Protein backbone atom coordinates (compact mmCIF):
# COMPACT_ATOMS: atom_id res chain seq x y z
CA UNK A 1 117.60 111.68 135.30
CA UNK A 2 118.43 112.87 131.79
CA UNK A 3 116.82 110.71 129.11
CA UNK A 4 118.87 109.63 126.10
CA UNK A 5 118.16 107.78 122.88
CA UNK A 6 120.22 105.29 120.86
CA UNK A 7 120.17 104.65 117.12
CA UNK A 8 121.92 101.77 115.33
CA UNK A 9 122.74 101.88 111.61
CA UNK A 10 124.06 98.52 110.36
CA UNK A 11 125.65 99.15 106.97
CA UNK A 12 127.66 96.99 104.61
CA UNK A 13 130.96 98.66 105.57
CA UNK A 14 130.31 100.08 109.03
CA UNK A 15 128.02 99.70 112.03
CA UNK A 16 127.35 103.17 113.44
CA UNK A 17 125.78 103.89 116.82
CA UNK A 18 124.68 107.32 118.02
CA UNK A 19 123.56 108.20 121.54
CA UNK A 20 121.77 111.55 121.77
CA UNK A 21 119.97 113.48 124.49
CA UNK A 22 117.46 116.34 124.32
CA UNK A 23 118.93 119.76 125.00
CA UNK A 24 117.92 121.48 128.24
CA UNK A 25 116.39 124.21 126.07
CA UNK A 26 113.63 122.53 123.99
CA UNK A 27 114.26 124.97 121.13
CA UNK A 28 117.78 123.62 120.61
CA UNK A 29 118.61 120.43 118.65
CA UNK A 30 119.35 117.13 120.34
CA UNK A 31 122.93 116.78 121.51
CA UNK A 32 125.03 113.80 120.43
CA UNK A 33 126.69 112.59 123.63
CA UNK A 34 128.40 109.51 122.21
CA UNK A 35 129.18 107.68 118.98
CA UNK A 36 130.61 104.29 118.15
CA UNK A 37 131.71 102.75 114.87
CA UNK A 38 132.92 99.28 113.94
CA UNK A 39 133.80 97.60 110.67
CA UNK A 40 130.82 95.55 109.46
CA UNK A 41 131.48 91.86 109.27
CA UNK A 42 129.08 89.26 107.98
CA UNK A 43 127.14 91.76 105.85
CA UNK A 44 126.44 92.05 102.13
CA UNK A 45 124.17 94.56 100.35
CA UNK A 46 122.62 95.46 103.71
CA UNK A 47 121.68 91.95 104.82
CA UNK A 48 123.36 89.45 107.12
CA UNK A 49 125.27 86.51 105.65
CA UNK A 50 127.15 85.53 108.83
CA UNK A 51 125.10 86.14 112.00
CA UNK A 52 127.92 85.48 114.49
CA UNK A 53 130.24 87.99 112.79
CA UNK A 54 127.46 90.56 112.49
CA UNK A 55 126.73 90.32 116.23
CA UNK A 56 130.41 90.91 117.02
CA UNK A 57 130.40 94.08 114.89
CA UNK A 58 127.23 95.40 116.54
CA UNK A 59 128.64 94.68 120.02
CA UNK A 60 131.87 96.48 119.16
CA UNK A 61 130.09 99.62 117.95
CA UNK A 62 127.72 99.59 120.96
CA UNK A 63 130.62 99.26 123.40
CA UNK A 64 132.47 102.19 121.84
CA UNK A 65 129.36 104.39 121.88
CA UNK A 66 128.60 103.46 125.48
CA UNK A 67 132.16 104.25 126.57
CA UNK A 68 132.10 107.53 124.63
CA UNK A 69 128.83 108.67 126.22
CA UNK A 70 129.63 107.11 129.62
CA UNK A 71 126.12 105.60 129.77
CA UNK A 72 124.88 101.99 129.43
CA UNK A 73 122.86 101.03 126.35
CA UNK A 74 119.86 98.89 127.22
CA UNK A 75 117.57 99.62 124.28
CA UNK A 76 117.83 101.19 120.83
CA UNK A 77 116.08 101.88 117.56
CA UNK A 78 117.41 100.14 114.47
CA UNK A 79 117.54 101.22 110.82
CA UNK A 80 116.60 98.74 108.10
CA UNK A 81 118.06 99.20 104.64
CA UNK A 82 119.76 97.34 101.83
CA UNK A 83 118.33 95.56 98.83
CA UNK A 84 115.65 93.88 100.95
CA UNK A 85 113.85 97.23 101.27
CA UNK A 86 111.13 98.09 98.75
CA UNK A 87 107.83 99.89 98.32
CA UNK A 88 104.29 98.82 97.47
CA UNK A 89 101.49 101.23 96.55
CA UNK A 90 97.98 100.38 97.62
CA UNK A 91 94.51 101.81 98.26
CA UNK A 92 92.06 101.03 101.03
CA UNK A 93 88.38 102.00 101.21
CA UNK A 94 85.87 101.71 104.06
CA UNK A 95 82.29 102.80 104.62
CA UNK A 96 81.66 105.36 107.36
CA UNK A 97 78.34 103.99 108.56
CA UNK A 98 79.93 102.53 111.72
CA UNK A 99 80.97 106.02 112.85
CA UNK A 100 77.74 107.72 111.84
CA UNK A 101 79.25 109.10 108.66
CA UNK A 102 82.10 110.92 110.44
CA UNK A 103 85.80 110.32 109.72
CA UNK A 104 87.52 109.34 112.96
CA UNK A 105 91.01 108.05 113.82
CA UNK A 106 89.50 104.56 113.97
CA UNK A 107 88.10 104.82 110.43
CA UNK A 108 91.47 106.08 109.13
CA UNK A 109 93.16 103.08 110.71
CA UNK A 110 90.56 100.75 109.21
CA UNK A 111 91.21 102.19 105.75
CA UNK A 112 94.97 101.77 106.18
CA UNK A 113 94.51 98.13 107.25
CA UNK A 114 92.32 97.59 104.22
CA UNK A 115 95.10 98.86 101.96
CA UNK A 116 97.47 96.35 103.58
CA UNK A 117 95.01 93.50 103.02
CA UNK A 118 94.69 94.44 99.33
CA UNK A 119 98.45 94.03 98.93
CA UNK A 120 98.64 90.66 100.67
CA UNK A 121 99.53 88.87 97.42
CA UNK A 122 102.63 91.09 97.08
CA UNK A 123 103.64 90.60 100.70
CA UNK A 124 104.78 86.99 100.50
CA UNK A 125 108.00 86.74 102.55
CA UNK A 126 107.85 90.48 103.25
CA UNK A 127 107.18 92.48 106.43
CA UNK A 128 105.52 95.90 106.39
CA UNK A 129 107.81 98.40 108.14
CA UNK A 130 105.70 101.54 107.60
CA UNK A 131 102.24 102.28 106.26
CA UNK A 132 102.25 105.89 105.09
CA UNK A 133 98.99 107.60 104.05
CA UNK A 134 99.72 109.61 100.91
CA UNK A 135 96.23 110.88 100.02
CA UNK A 136 92.74 110.68 101.53
CA UNK A 137 89.42 110.96 99.70
CA UNK A 138 85.91 111.27 101.14
CA UNK A 139 83.20 110.18 98.69
CA UNK A 140 85.74 110.47 95.87
CA UNK A 141 86.81 114.04 96.66
CA UNK A 142 90.46 114.63 97.55
CA UNK A 143 90.99 115.86 101.11
CA UNK A 144 93.28 118.84 101.58
CA UNK A 145 94.69 118.49 105.07
CA UNK A 146 93.32 116.18 107.73
CA UNK A 147 90.19 114.10 107.08
CA UNK A 148 89.26 113.84 110.77
CA UNK A 149 85.75 115.16 111.41
CA UNK A 150 84.66 115.25 107.78
CA UNK A 151 81.27 113.76 106.86
CA UNK A 152 80.53 111.27 104.11
CA UNK A 153 79.69 107.67 103.28
CA UNK A 154 83.10 106.35 102.14
CA UNK A 155 86.71 107.03 103.11
CA UNK A 156 89.54 106.00 100.77
CA UNK A 157 93.28 106.24 101.37
CA UNK A 158 96.21 105.78 99.01
CA UNK A 159 99.15 104.35 100.95
CA UNK A 160 102.86 103.80 100.50
CA UNK A 161 103.80 100.52 102.15
CA UNK A 162 107.52 100.36 102.92
CA UNK A 163 108.40 96.69 103.19
CA UNK A 164 111.42 94.53 103.99
CA UNK A 165 112.23 90.92 103.20
CA UNK A 166 111.08 89.17 106.38
CA UNK A 167 114.24 87.09 106.72
CA UNK A 168 116.48 90.17 106.53
CA UNK A 169 114.19 92.08 108.91
CA UNK A 170 114.30 89.30 111.50
CA UNK A 171 118.04 88.67 111.12
CA UNK A 172 118.93 92.31 111.79
CA UNK A 173 116.71 92.48 114.87
CA UNK A 174 118.09 89.18 116.19
CA UNK A 175 121.67 90.44 115.71
CA UNK A 176 120.99 93.52 117.85
CA UNK A 177 119.17 91.50 120.51
CA UNK A 178 122.02 88.96 120.54
CA UNK A 179 124.34 91.88 121.27
CA UNK A 180 122.37 92.46 124.47
CA UNK A 181 120.18 95.39 123.43
CA UNK A 182 116.37 95.52 123.31
CA UNK A 183 114.98 96.75 119.96
CA UNK A 184 112.45 99.50 120.66
CA UNK A 185 111.50 100.02 117.02
CA UNK A 186 112.68 99.82 113.43
CA UNK A 187 112.66 102.42 110.65
CA UNK A 188 113.63 102.34 106.99
CA UNK A 189 117.13 103.85 106.67
CA UNK A 190 116.22 106.49 104.03
CA UNK A 191 113.36 107.71 106.20
CA UNK A 192 115.58 107.92 109.30
CA UNK A 193 118.16 109.96 107.39
CA UNK A 194 115.48 112.34 106.11
CA UNK A 195 114.53 113.29 109.67
CA UNK A 196 117.81 115.17 110.16
CA UNK A 197 118.96 116.09 106.64
CA UNK A 198 115.78 117.55 105.12
CA UNK A 199 113.84 120.61 106.24
CA UNK A 200 110.06 120.82 106.27
CA UNK A 201 110.27 123.46 103.52
CA UNK A 202 112.26 121.10 101.28
CA UNK A 203 109.86 118.19 101.88
CA UNK A 204 106.86 120.40 101.20
CA UNK A 205 108.27 121.80 97.95
CA UNK A 206 109.39 118.36 96.70
CA UNK A 207 112.83 116.84 97.20
CA UNK A 208 114.83 113.64 96.72
CA UNK A 209 117.36 112.42 99.29
CA UNK A 210 119.93 110.06 97.76
CA UNK A 211 122.36 108.05 99.86
CA UNK A 212 125.37 106.61 98.01
CA UNK A 213 126.47 103.75 100.21
CA UNK A 214 129.15 101.13 99.69
CA UNK A 215 127.01 98.66 97.77
CA UNK A 216 123.64 100.37 97.44
CA UNK A 217 122.10 103.64 96.29
CA UNK A 218 118.97 104.44 98.28
CA UNK A 219 116.50 107.25 97.60
CA UNK A 220 113.48 108.71 99.34
CA UNK A 221 111.26 111.25 97.60
CA UNK A 222 109.01 113.76 99.37
CA UNK A 223 106.25 115.90 97.95
CA UNK A 224 103.87 118.09 99.96
CA UNK A 225 105.69 116.96 103.14
CA UNK A 226 104.80 113.29 102.53
CA UNK A 227 107.16 110.44 101.57
CA UNK A 228 105.90 109.24 98.17
CA UNK A 229 108.62 106.77 97.19
CA UNK A 230 111.47 104.74 98.73
CA UNK A 231 113.83 102.72 96.52
CA UNK A 232 117.16 100.91 96.88
CA UNK A 233 119.34 100.16 93.86
CA UNK A 234 122.29 97.70 93.72
CA UNK A 235 124.86 100.39 92.89
CA UNK A 236 127.33 101.99 95.28
CA UNK A 237 130.72 103.56 95.74
CA UNK A 238 132.38 100.12 95.63
CA UNK A 239 131.35 99.91 91.96
CA UNK A 240 133.40 103.05 91.33
CA UNK A 241 136.40 101.47 93.09
CA UNK A 242 136.07 98.29 91.03
CA UNK A 243 135.83 100.27 87.78
CA UNK A 244 139.03 102.15 88.68
CA UNK A 245 140.77 98.86 89.51
CA UNK A 246 139.76 97.28 86.18
CA UNK A 247 140.49 100.38 84.10
CA UNK A 248 143.96 100.92 85.58
CA UNK A 249 144.68 97.23 86.27
CA UNK A 250 145.52 97.85 89.92
CA UNK A 251 144.38 96.15 93.17
CA UNK A 252 141.03 97.35 94.61
CA UNK A 253 142.76 98.61 97.78
CA UNK A 254 144.95 100.93 95.70
CA UNK A 255 141.94 101.94 93.58
CA UNK A 256 140.04 102.91 96.76
CA UNK A 257 142.93 105.15 97.86
CA UNK A 258 143.08 106.80 94.44
CA UNK A 259 139.32 107.35 94.44
CA UNK A 260 139.53 109.19 97.74
CA UNK A 261 142.52 111.24 96.64
CA UNK A 262 144.67 109.70 99.36
CA UNK A 263 147.57 108.86 97.02
CA UNK A 264 150.18 111.54 96.35
CA UNK A 265 152.64 111.35 93.50
CA UNK A 266 150.51 108.93 91.47
CA UNK A 267 151.34 108.62 87.78
CA UNK A 268 147.62 108.36 86.98
CA UNK A 269 146.46 111.56 85.30
CA UNK A 270 143.83 113.35 87.43
CA UNK A 271 141.74 113.91 84.30
CA UNK A 272 141.57 110.16 83.63
CA UNK A 273 140.63 109.43 87.24
CA UNK A 274 137.92 112.09 87.20
CA UNK A 275 136.47 110.68 83.96
CA UNK A 276 136.19 107.18 85.47
CA UNK A 277 134.51 108.46 88.64
CA UNK A 278 132.21 110.80 86.73
CA UNK A 279 131.13 107.99 84.40
CA UNK A 280 129.97 105.74 87.24
CA UNK A 281 128.28 108.59 89.12
CA UNK A 282 126.47 109.53 85.91
CA UNK A 283 125.22 105.93 85.61
CA UNK A 284 123.83 106.12 89.16
CA UNK A 285 121.95 109.36 88.59
CA UNK A 286 120.56 108.08 85.28
CA UNK A 287 118.99 105.24 87.30
CA UNK A 288 117.56 107.78 89.75
CA UNK A 289 116.21 109.89 86.89
CA UNK A 290 114.50 106.84 85.36
CA UNK A 291 112.80 106.17 88.71
CA UNK A 292 111.63 109.79 88.95
CA UNK A 293 110.14 109.42 85.48
CA UNK A 294 108.34 106.23 86.55
CA UNK A 295 106.60 107.99 89.45
CA UNK A 296 105.89 111.17 87.46
CA UNK A 297 108.33 113.45 89.29
CA UNK A 298 111.08 113.90 86.69
CA UNK A 299 112.28 117.55 86.83
CA UNK A 300 109.35 118.32 89.15
CA UNK A 301 111.07 118.56 92.56
CA UNK A 302 111.82 122.25 93.23
CA UNK A 303 114.04 121.53 96.26
CA UNK A 304 116.15 119.25 94.05
CA UNK A 305 118.40 116.43 95.19
CA UNK A 306 120.32 116.18 98.46
CA UNK A 307 123.20 113.68 98.37
CA UNK A 308 124.54 111.85 101.45
CA UNK A 309 126.51 108.72 102.22
CA UNK A 310 130.16 107.83 101.72
CA UNK A 311 129.94 108.45 97.97
CA UNK A 312 128.77 112.02 98.51
CA UNK A 313 132.37 112.95 99.33
CA UNK A 314 133.39 112.52 95.69
CA UNK A 315 134.06 116.02 94.39
CA UNK A 316 131.90 115.86 91.27
CA UNK A 317 128.80 114.15 92.74
CA UNK A 318 126.62 117.27 93.12
CA UNK A 319 127.57 118.68 89.71
CA UNK A 320 126.85 115.42 87.88
CA UNK A 321 123.50 115.02 89.69
CA UNK A 322 122.55 118.57 88.64
CA UNK A 323 123.44 117.87 85.01
CA UNK A 324 121.69 114.48 84.74
CA UNK A 325 118.55 115.28 86.74
CA UNK A 326 118.28 118.95 85.74
CA UNK A 327 117.47 119.77 89.35
CA UNK A 328 119.12 121.85 92.08
CA UNK A 329 121.77 119.69 93.76
CA UNK A 330 123.76 119.83 96.98
CA UNK A 331 125.63 117.64 99.45
CA UNK A 332 123.59 116.88 102.57
CA UNK A 333 124.40 118.09 106.07
CA UNK A 334 122.89 117.13 109.39
CA UNK A 335 120.62 120.08 110.07
CA UNK A 336 120.81 122.08 113.31
CA UNK A 337 123.65 119.97 114.68
CA UNK A 338 126.19 121.68 116.90
CA UNK A 339 129.62 121.69 115.31
CA UNK A 340 131.26 119.95 118.24
CA UNK A 341 132.22 116.39 117.46
CA UNK A 342 132.92 114.71 114.15
CA UNK A 343 129.43 113.59 113.14
CA UNK A 344 128.89 114.33 109.45
CA UNK A 345 126.04 113.34 107.12
CA UNK A 346 127.21 109.69 107.10
CA UNK A 347 125.84 109.53 110.68
CA UNK A 348 122.43 110.87 109.66
CA UNK A 349 120.65 107.49 109.78
CA UNK A 350 121.69 106.68 113.36
CA UNK A 351 121.10 110.26 114.52
CA UNK A 352 117.72 110.31 112.78
CA UNK A 353 116.67 107.26 114.80
CA UNK A 354 117.42 109.21 117.98
CA UNK A 355 115.32 112.12 116.73
CA UNK A 356 112.50 109.69 115.99
CA UNK A 357 112.62 108.30 119.53
CA UNK A 358 112.49 111.77 121.03
CA UNK A 359 109.65 112.84 118.69
CA UNK A 360 107.68 109.74 119.58
CA UNK A 361 107.94 110.54 123.28
CA UNK A 362 106.97 114.19 122.83
CA UNK A 363 104.20 113.68 120.24
CA UNK A 364 101.81 112.66 123.01
CA UNK A 365 99.34 111.10 120.66
CA UNK A 366 99.34 113.88 118.03
CA UNK A 367 98.30 112.61 114.63
CA UNK A 368 98.51 114.48 111.32
CA UNK A 369 98.59 113.43 107.69
CA UNK A 370 102.07 112.81 106.41
CA UNK A 371 103.45 112.79 109.94
CA UNK A 372 102.31 109.41 111.17
CA UNK A 373 104.20 106.24 110.45
CA UNK A 374 103.03 102.88 111.64
CA UNK A 375 105.34 99.92 111.98
CA UNK A 376 104.03 96.39 112.02
CA UNK A 377 105.75 93.05 112.28
CA UNK A 378 105.73 89.97 114.48
CA UNK A 379 109.21 90.57 115.90
CA UNK A 380 108.12 93.76 117.66
CA UNK A 381 104.63 93.41 118.98
CA UNK A 382 103.73 96.99 119.86
CA UNK A 383 102.97 99.34 116.96
CA UNK A 384 105.31 102.31 116.76
CA UNK A 385 104.11 105.77 115.81
CA UNK A 386 106.57 108.48 114.89
CA UNK A 387 106.17 112.18 114.35
CA UNK A 388 108.15 113.51 111.41
CA UNK A 389 109.51 117.03 112.03
């Protein structure tokens, strides 16, 4: 029986579900066999404000995807995003005497747990979604590559802890389970999107993936093939719509149509409209640039910025990002996806979750630095390990 994987992306405007199956030829990309979309109800800034309405939206999207693929959906992986998502940096250190001075997988895990314990004061009301090892050191010397098998007395690891407000984390999982689907695992939305929109070469060189959603702007930054930062800002394409509505004194619904260029014969000068849109996009990328400066990566990402999300469709987005950030800039595409179907980069989160599920099944216990993600949390008892491509 052909195995398939399901990913659920619960956004502020839409719930998107993708069902994908591995190609018969392992060298070919996974094939999307079904998609489902529903208008999000009961959501704000990526978190649930009305559970009953949110469940209805999830059910609707699941039903459409199931009918499209002609398969039942019993379990799925879920993306977590919105303003509840944030990062914590930490360091853990352990002695290697227990292993006879040799770095083993067990010692690496001990060091990662130690980094989590050190951040306990910052974890009040938060759940760790992923613990990502960014750098290892043995006896103070930086390790290039894998530390397994090295000798020494102390192992240290710098980690990036991707966390979520516990209430939002639990609410999203409960909404999916209430819709009749078992949650197999959760992944931060920016990370899920990166699995299918970024190449290994881009992540190795250094790149930022920016998703302009309805109410949020989320970014994930890679360097040397490792995620080094994940941030969500309270700015989105709805802010552009509201600015147009206020500037032109028109209803938001009309402003949305103008923003998307769906109005013909408008008496609003295109130049004025472009100036309004460009101004808000510039504000967004100034925020991104400030964050890059904070983490010491301003103008230091050779692969530049890749832009996805609903706001990426605005004509000037890539040009403004290039000007503000002084980096190469382009609109994101889902890599290696067959052109059949209508899945564009706005489906990257849900499709990325499917890729994660497939990679987890085929990894067969492989572990390498920058490729292992661990998910912890009381709602899902078994730890999830994922292999990044």
